[in-house]
Amino acid sequence: MTFRKIKDPDAVLDYSIDWSAWLVDDTITTSSWSVTGADSDLTVDSDSKSTTATTVWLSGGTLGLTYTVTNRITTGDGRTDDRSIAVDVLEK
């Protein structure tokens, strides 16, 4: 599943994914984020997680490019899944 967001290249913003509907009674034990795109100018500044949601803070990005920011989680029951955010870098 991919979500789509717009980010100004000068902004430092947080993006969250609520996993609760998918988890049902399970919980998030690990979370990692990766960024792919035409360059490496979109940066993961920090990230955090709770038992049901994950958050990433992003900075930078090249005007006019779209990046894919992917969150991979592992749960207490041993399930692994990914969700992605398409980040379009545009002037706001």
Protein backbone atom coordinates (compact mmCIF):
# COMPACT_ATOMS: atom_id res chain seq x y z
CA MET A 1 0.00 0.00 0.00
CA THR A 2 1.39 3.42 -0.94
CA PHE A 3 0.30 6.78 0.43
CA ARG A 4 1.11 10.08 -1.34
CA LYS A 5 2.37 13.27 0.37
CA ILE A 6 3.75 16.65 -0.76
CA LYS A 7 6.84 18.14 0.90
CA ASP A 8 8.60 21.47 0.38
CA PRO A 9 12.38 20.99 -0.07
CA ASP A 10 13.06 23.34 2.88
CA ALA A 11 10.59 21.69 5.26
CA VAL A 12 11.40 19.19 8.00
CA LEU A 13 8.21 17.19 8.51
CA ASP A 14 6.93 14.06 10.21
CA TYR A 15 4.94 11.35 8.45
CA SER A 16 3.15 8.60 10.35
CA ILE A 17 1.63 5.24 9.52
CA ASP A 18 -1.12 3.80 11.71
CA TRP A 19 -0.79 0.01 11.59
CA SER A 20 -3.53 -0.72 14.16
CA ALA A 21 -6.17 -2.03 11.72
CA TRP A 22 -3.70 -4.49 10.21
CA LEU A 23 -2.20 -5.52 13.55
CA VAL A 24 -5.51 -6.37 15.27
CA ASP A 25 -4.14 -7.84 18.57
CA ASP A 26 -0.45 -7.92 17.52
CA THR A 27 2.15 -5.20 18.27
CA ILE A 28 5.10 -3.60 16.47
CA THR A 29 8.46 -4.74 17.85
CA THR A 30 10.84 -3.28 15.23
CA SER A 31 10.56 -0.56 12.61
CA SER A 32 13.00 0.64 9.95
CA TRP A 33 12.72 3.27 7.22
CA SER A 34 14.41 3.52 3.80
CA VAL A 35 14.34 6.16 1.06
CA THR A 36 14.71 5.48 -2.66
CA GLY A 37 14.73 8.00 -5.49
CA ALA A 38 16.77 9.53 -8.29
CA ASP A 39 19.18 11.06 -5.74
CA SER A 40 19.87 10.82 -2.01
CA ASP A 41 18.78 14.37 -1.06
CA LEU A 42 15.70 13.30 0.95
CA THR A 43 17.00 12.37 4.39
CA VAL A 44 15.58 10.43 7.33
CA ASP A 45 16.37 12.67 10.30
CA SER A 46 14.82 10.46 12.96
CA ASP A 47 12.10 7.90 13.52
CA SER A 48 10.01 6.48 16.33
CA LYS A 49 7.40 3.81 16.96
CA SER A 50 4.70 2.84 19.38
CA THR A 51 3.07 -0.57 19.58
CA THR A 52 0.64 0.36 16.75
CA ALA A 53 2.14 3.27 14.75
CA THR A 54 5.41 4.46 13.23
CA THR A 55 6.72 7.95 12.47
CA VAL A 56 9.58 9.26 10.34
CA TRP A 57 11.00 12.82 10.20
CA LEU A 58 12.21 13.82 6.72
CA SER A 59 14.30 16.76 5.51
CA GLY A 60 15.62 17.93 2.16
CA GLY A 61 14.69 16.54 -1.21
CA THR A 62 15.20 17.85 -4.72
CA LEU A 63 12.50 20.08 -6.18
CA GLY A 64 10.42 18.21 -8.76
CA LEU A 65 11.45 14.69 -7.73
CA THR A 66 9.36 11.96 -6.15
CA TYR A 67 10.85 9.67 -3.50
CA THR A 68 9.54 6.42 -2.07
CA VAL A 69 9.86 6.21 1.71
CA THR A 70 9.27 2.65 2.94
CA ASN A 71 8.57 1.50 6.48
CA ARG A 72 9.21 -2.16 7.32
CA ILE A 73 7.91 -3.50 10.60
CA THR A 74 8.18 -6.77 12.45
CA THR A 75 5.55 -7.75 14.98
CA GLY A 76 5.54 -9.66 18.22
CA ASP A 77 3.94 -12.59 16.40
CA GLY A 78 6.80 -12.61 13.85
CA ARG A 79 4.96 -11.03 10.92
CA THR A 80 6.83 -8.61 8.63
CA ASP A 81 5.19 -6.06 6.33
CA ASP A 82 5.97 -2.85 4.41
CA ARG A 83 4.05 0.37 3.77
CA SER A 84 5.35 3.12 1.48
CA ILE A 85 4.84 6.84 1.19
CA ALA A 86 5.40 8.57 -2.17
CA VAL A 87 6.83 12.00 -1.32
CA ASP A 88 6.55 14.62 -4.08
CA VAL A 89 8.97 17.50 -3.47
CA LEU A 90 7.24 20.71 -4.55
CA GLU A 91 7.31 24.38 -3.56
CA LYS A 92 4.52 25.11 -1.11
